Amino acid sequence: MKEKTVVKQLYRLNIEPRVIDQLTKLAARTGEPKTRLATRLFTEAVMEFKPTKAVRIGR
């Protein structure tokens, strides 16, 4: 049996219309609901993000 993941609404994001259009196309192609697809893609992007080292200006 699969465990349920606790999902919380963290932010209300302002998304560009072109991103919504692309999300709609992906959802139609995969058959996955847009909200679930958006949540999964956002989670993957955040978890895979690796910030670059900050460059300090000489002091």
PDB file of N, CA and C in Angstrom:
ATOM      1  N   MET A   1       0.841  -1.187   0.000  1.00  0.00           N
ATOM      2  CA  MET A   1       0.000   0.000   0.000  1.00  0.00           C
ATOM      3  C   MET A   1       0.883   1.247   0.000  1.00  0.00           C
ATOM      4  N   LYS A   2       0.542   2.206  -0.804  1.00  0.00           N
ATOM      5  CA  LYS A   2       1.330   3.417  -0.955  1.00  0.00           C
ATOM      6  C   LYS A   2       1.000   4.414   0.158  1.00  0.00           C
ATOM      7  N   GLU A   3       2.054   4.990   0.763  1.00  0.00           N
ATOM      8  CA  GLU A   3       1.835   5.989   1.807  1.00  0.00           C
ATOM      9  C   GLU A   3       1.442   7.318   1.176  1.00  0.00           C
ATOM     10  N   LYS A   4       0.567   8.053   1.864  1.00  0.00           N
ATOM     11  CA  LYS A   4       0.160   9.369   1.368  1.00  0.00           C
ATOM     12  C   LYS A   4       1.209  10.398   1.756  1.00  0.00           C
ATOM     13  N   THR A   5       1.488  11.301   0.840  1.00  0.00           N
ATOM     14  CA  THR A   5       2.410  12.394   1.095  1.00  0.00           C
ATOM     15  C   THR A   5       1.603  13.601   1.529  1.00  0.00           C
ATOM     16  N   VAL A   6       2.080  14.266   2.564  1.00  0.00           N
ATOM     17  CA  VAL A   6       1.402  15.460   3.033  1.00  0.00           C
ATOM     18  C   VAL A   6       1.796  16.607   2.103  1.00  0.00           C
ATOM     19  N   VAL A   7       0.819  17.249   1.514  1.00  0.00           N
ATOM     20  CA  VAL A   7       1.071  18.360   0.614  1.00  0.00           C
ATOM     21  C   VAL A   7       0.447  19.608   1.217  1.00  0.00           C
ATOM     22  N   LYS A   8       1.239  20.675   1.279  1.00  0.00           N
ATOM     23  CA  LYS A   8       0.751  21.929   1.827  1.00  0.00           C
ATOM     24  C   LYS A   8       0.818  22.992   0.747  1.00  0.00           C
ATOM     25  N   GLN A   9      -0.142  23.894   0.790  1.00  0.00           N
ATOM     26  CA  GLN A   9      -0.066  25.022  -0.122  1.00  0.00           C
ATOM     27  C   GLN A   9       0.932  25.993   0.472  1.00  0.00           C
ATOM     28  N   LEU A  10       2.015  26.205  -0.248  1.00  0.00           N
ATOM     29  CA  LEU A  10       3.082  27.040   0.264  1.00  0.00           C
ATOM     30  C   LEU A  10       3.037  28.444  -0.329  1.00  0.00           C
ATOM     31  N   TYR A  11       2.873  28.526  -1.633  1.00  0.00           N
ATOM     32  CA  TYR A  11       2.858  29.818  -2.308  1.00  0.00           C
ATOM     33  C   TYR A  11       1.732  29.858  -3.325  1.00  0.00           C
ATOM     34  N   ARG A  12       1.250  31.043  -3.579  1.00  0.00           N
ATOM     35  CA  ARG A  12       0.378  31.271  -4.732  1.00  0.00           C
ATOM     36  C   ARG A  12       1.287  31.948  -5.744  1.00  0.00           C
ATOM     37  N   LEU A  13       1.634  31.217  -6.768  1.00  0.00           N
ATOM     38  CA  LEU A  13       2.594  31.725  -7.741  1.00  0.00           C
ATOM     39  C   LEU A  13       1.894  32.402  -8.907  1.00  0.00           C
ATOM     40  N   ASN A  14       2.501  33.453  -9.392  1.00  0.00           N
ATOM     41  CA  ASN A  14       2.034  34.095 -10.616  1.00  0.00           C
ATOM     42  C   ASN A  14       2.795  33.440 -11.767  1.00  0.00           C
ATOM     43  N   ILE A  15       2.069  32.796 -12.633  1.00  0.00           N
ATOM     44  CA  ILE A  15       2.669  32.026 -13.713  1.00  0.00           C
ATOM     45  C   ILE A  15       2.382  32.711 -15.043  1.00  0.00           C
ATOM     46  N   GLU A  16       3.390  32.773 -15.896  1.00  0.00           N
ATOM     47  CA  GLU A  16       3.218  33.370 -17.219  1.00  0.00           C
ATOM     48  C   GLU A  16       2.253  32.527 -18.049  1.00  0.00           C
ATOM     49  N   PRO A  17       1.457  33.179 -18.881  1.00  0.00           N
ATOM     50  CA  PRO A  17       0.503  32.442 -19.727  1.00  0.00           C
ATOM     51  C   PRO A  17       1.154  31.362 -20.591  1.00  0.00           C
ATOM     52  N   ARG A  18       2.364  31.608 -21.080  1.00  0.00           N
ATOM     53  CA  ARG A  18       3.033  30.600 -21.924  1.00  0.00           C
ATOM     54  C   ARG A  18       3.367  29.334 -21.123  1.00  0.00           C
ATOM     55  N   VAL A  19       3.625  29.507 -19.830  1.00  0.00           N
ATOM     56  CA  VAL A  19       3.899  28.344 -18.977  1.00  0.00           C
ATOM     57  C   VAL A  19       2.610  27.547 -18.774  1.00  0.00           C
ATOM     58  N   ILE A  20       1.502  28.248 -18.572  1.00  0.00           N
ATOM     59  CA  ILE A  20       0.203  27.587 -18.419  1.00  0.00           C
ATOM     60  C   ILE A  20      -0.148  26.821 -19.695  1.00  0.00           C
ATOM     61  N   ASP A  21       0.112  27.433 -20.851  1.00  0.00           N
ATOM     62  CA  ASP A  21      -0.159  26.764 -22.130  1.00  0.00           C
ATOM     63  C   ASP A  21       0.655  25.474 -22.254  1.00  0.00           C
ATOM     64  N   GLN A  22       1.927  25.551 -21.896  1.00  0.00           N
ATOM     65  CA  GLN A  22       2.800  24.369 -21.976  1.00  0.00           C
ATOM     66  C   GLN A  22       2.335  23.297 -20.989  1.00  0.00           C
ATOM     67  N   LEU A  23       1.957  23.709 -19.789  1.00  0.00           N
ATOM     68  CA  LEU A  23       1.458  22.781 -18.780  1.00  0.00           C
ATOM     69  C   LEU A  23       0.178  22.093 -19.261  1.00  0.00           C
ATOM     70  N   THR A  24      -0.701  22.851 -19.907  1.00  0.00           N
ATOM     71  CA  THR A  24      -1.938  22.294 -20.443  1.00  0.00           C
ATOM     72  C   THR A  24      -1.649  21.241 -21.509  1.00  0.00           C
ATOM     73  N   LYS A  25      -0.687  21.528 -22.373  1.00  0.00           N
ATOM     74  CA  LYS A  25      -0.298  20.565 -23.419  1.00  0.00           C
ATOM     75  C   LYS A  25       0.272  19.293 -22.802  1.00  0.00           C
ATOM     76  N   LEU A  26       1.148  19.458 -21.814  1.00  0.00           N
ATOM     77  CA  LEU A  26       1.734  18.286 -21.146  1.00  0.00           C
ATOM     78  C   LEU A  26       0.674  17.453 -20.442  1.00  0.00           C
ATOM     79  N   ALA A  27      -0.250  18.130 -19.765  1.00  0.00           N
ATOM     80  CA  ALA A  27      -1.309  17.428 -19.047  1.00  0.00           C
ATOM     81  C   ALA A  27      -2.197  16.657 -20.021  1.00  0.00           C
ATOM     82  N   ALA A  28      -2.504  17.260 -21.157  1.00  0.00           N
ATOM     83  CA  ALA A  28      -3.333  16.587 -22.160  1.00  0.00           C
ATOM     84  C   ALA A  28      -2.609  15.370 -22.731  1.00  0.00           C
ATOM     85  N   ARG A  29      -1.316  15.518 -22.943  1.00  0.00           N
ATOM     86  CA  ARG A  29      -0.523  14.429 -23.510  1.00  0.00           C
ATOM     87  C   ARG A  29      -0.375  13.258 -22.541  1.00  0.00           C
ATOM     88  N   THR A  30      -0.185  13.570 -21.250  1.00  0.00           N
ATOM     89  CA  THR A  30       0.058  12.520 -20.257  1.00  0.00           C
ATOM     90  C   THR A  30      -1.221  12.004 -19.599  1.00  0.00           C
ATOM     91  N   GLY A  31      -2.291  12.804 -19.654  1.00  0.00           N
ATOM     92  CA  GLY A  31      -3.529  12.423 -18.995  1.00  0.00           C
ATOM     93  C   GLY A  31      -3.515  12.697 -17.500  1.00  0.00           C
ATOM     94  N   GLU A  32      -2.458  13.353 -17.035  1.00  0.00           N
ATOM     95  CA  GLU A  32      -2.322  13.683 -15.612  1.00  0.00           C
ATOM     96  C   GLU A  32      -2.980  15.045 -15.357  1.00  0.00           C
ATOM     97  N   PRO A  33      -3.683  15.230 -14.248  1.00  0.00           N
ATOM     98  CA  PRO A  33      -4.290  16.530 -13.952  1.00  0.00           C
ATOM     99  C   PRO A  33      -3.229  17.635 -13.871  1.00  0.00           C
ATOM    100  N   LYS A  34      -3.598  18.837 -14.316  1.00  0.00           N
ATOM    101  CA  LYS A  34      -2.637  19.950 -14.347  1.00  0.00           C
ATOM    102  C   LYS A  34      -2.054  20.264 -12.973  1.00  0.00           C
ATOM    103  N   THR A  35      -2.894  20.246 -11.956  1.00  0.00           N
ATOM    104  CA  THR A  35      -2.392  20.600 -10.623  1.00  0.00           C
ATOM    105  C   THR A  35      -1.371  19.582 -10.121  1.00  0.00           C
ATOM    106  N   ARG A  36      -1.640  18.310 -10.344  1.00  0.00           N
ATOM    107  CA  ARG A  36      -0.697  17.267  -9.911  1.00  0.00           C
ATOM    108  C   ARG A  36       0.607  17.355 -10.701  1.00  0.00           C
ATOM    109  N   LEU A  37       0.488  17.580 -11.998  1.00  0.00           N
ATOM    110  CA  LEU A  37       1.661  17.708 -12.855  1.00  0.00           C
ATOM    111  C   LEU A  37       2.495  18.921 -12.448  1.00  0.00           C
ATOM    112  N   ALA A  38       1.837  20.047 -12.206  1.00  0.00           N
ATOM    113  CA  ALA A  38       2.541  21.265 -11.803  1.00  0.00           C
ATOM    114  C   ALA A  38       3.252  21.067 -10.467  1.00  0.00           C
ATOM    115  N   THR A  39       2.577  20.423  -9.532  1.00  0.00           N
ATOM    116  CA  THR A  39       3.181  20.168  -8.222  1.00  0.00           C
ATOM    117  C   THR A  39       4.416  19.284  -8.359  1.00  0.00           C
ATOM    118  N   ARG A  40       4.289  18.231  -9.160  1.00  0.00           N
ATOM    119  CA  ARG A  40       5.417  17.306  -9.348  1.00  0.00           C
ATOM    120  C   ARG A  40       6.595  18.000 -10.020  1.00  0.00           C
ATOM    121  N   LEU A  41       6.326  18.766 -11.074  1.00  0.00           N
ATOM    122  CA  LEU A  41       7.400  19.455 -11.786  1.00  0.00           C
ATOM    123  C   LEU A  41       8.075  20.505 -10.911  1.00  0.00           C
ATOM    124  N   PHE A  42       7.286  21.246 -10.142  1.00  0.00           N
ATOM    125  CA  PHE A  42       7.838  22.259  -9.244  1.00  0.00           C
ATOM    126  C   PHE A  42       8.704  21.604  -8.172  1.00  0.00           C
ATOM    127  N   THR A  43       8.223  20.509  -7.603  1.00  0.00           N
ATOM    128  CA  THR A  43       8.978  19.800  -6.573  1.00  0.00           C
ATOM    129  C   THR A  43      10.306  19.295  -7.121  1.00  0.00           C
ATOM    130  N   GLU A  44      10.277  18.682  -8.307  1.00  0.00           N
ATOM    131  CA  GLU A  44      11.506  18.179  -8.922  1.00  0.00           C
ATOM    132  C   GLU A  44      12.494  19.307  -9.190  1.00  0.00           C
ATOM    133  N   ALA A  45      12.000  20.436  -9.695  1.00  0.00           N
ATOM    134  CA  ALA A  45      12.876  21.567 -10.004  1.00  0.00           C
ATOM    135  C   ALA A  45      13.532  22.121  -8.744  1.00  0.00           C
ATOM    136  N   VAL A  46      12.771  22.251  -7.684  1.00  0.00           N
ATOM    137  CA  VAL A  46      13.314  22.792  -6.436  1.00  0.00           C
ATOM    138  C   VAL A  46      14.318  21.825  -5.820  1.00  0.00           C
ATOM    139  N   MET A  47      13.999  20.541  -5.816  1.00  0.00           N
ATOM    140  CA  MET A  47      14.880  19.560  -5.181  1.00  0.00           C
ATOM    141  C   MET A  47      16.182  19.363  -5.964  1.00  0.00           C
ATOM    142  N   GLU A  48      16.159  19.581  -7.277  1.00  0.00           N
ATOM    143  CA  GLU A  48      17.355  19.391  -8.097  1.00  0.00           C
ATOM    144  C   GLU A  48      18.197  20.652  -8.222  1.00  0.00           C
ATOM    145  N   PHE A  49      17.681  21.795  -7.774  1.00  0.00           N
ATOM    146  CA  PHE A  49      18.396  23.054  -7.922  1.00  0.00           C
ATOM    147  C   PHE A  49      19.671  23.044  -7.097  1.00  0.00           C
ATOM    148  N   LYS A  50      20.766  23.414  -7.737  1.00  0.00           N
ATOM    149  CA  LYS A  50      22.052  23.506  -7.056  1.00  0.00           C
ATOM    150  C   LYS A  50      22.575  24.930  -7.249  1.00  0.00           C
ATOM    151  N   PRO A  51      22.509  25.758  -6.212  1.00  0.00           N
ATOM    152  CA  PRO A  51      22.964  27.138  -6.370  1.00  0.00           C
ATOM    153  C   PRO A  51      24.476  27.204  -6.610  1.00  0.00           C
ATOM    154  N   THR A  52      24.886  28.202  -7.380  1.00  0.00           N
ATOM    155  CA  THR A  52      26.317  28.395  -7.601  1.00  0.00           C
ATOM    156  C   THR A  52      26.904  29.088  -6.375  1.00  0.00           C
ATOM    157  N   LYS A  53      28.190  28.941  -6.214  1.00  0.00           N
ATOM    158  CA  LYS A  53      28.832  29.602  -5.070  1.00  0.00           C
ATOM    159  C   LYS A  53      28.771  31.107  -5.237  1.00  0.00           C
ATOM    160  N   ALA A  54      28.499  31.796  -4.150  1.00  0.00           N
ATOM    161  CA  ALA A  54      28.432  33.248  -4.180  1.00  0.00           C
ATOM    162  C   ALA A  54      29.843  33.803  -4.373  1.00  0.00           C
ATOM    163  N   VAL A  55      29.968  34.786  -5.222  1.00  0.00           N
ATOM    164  CA  VAL A  55      31.252  35.415  -5.465  1.00  0.00           C
ATOM    165  C   VAL A  55      31.321  36.662  -4.605  1.00  0.00           C
ATOM    166  N   ARG A  56      32.359  36.738  -3.776  1.00  0.00           N
ATOM    167  CA  ARG A  56      32.520  37.897  -2.899  1.00  0.00           C
ATOM    168  C   ARG A  56      33.382  38.936  -3.612  1.00  0.00           C
ATOM    169  N   ILE A  57      32.957  40.159  -3.528  1.00  0.00           N
ATOM    170  CA  ILE A  57      33.744  41.256  -4.073  1.00  0.00           C
ATOM    171  C   ILE A  57      34.758  41.626  -3.003  1.00  0.00           C
ATOM    172  N   GLY A  58      36.035  41.673  -3.407  1.00  0.00           N
ATOM    173  CA  GLY A  58      37.168  41.867  -2.473  1.00  0.00           C
ATOM    174  C   GLY A  58      36.943  42.855  -1.368  1.00  0.00           C
ATOM    175  N   ARG A  59      37.131  42.406  -0.171  1.00  0.00           N
ATOM    176  CA  ARG A  59      37.082  43.248   1.035  1.00  0.00           C
ATOM    177  C   ARG A  59      38.097  42.732   1.988  1.00  0.00           C
TER     178      ARG A  59
END
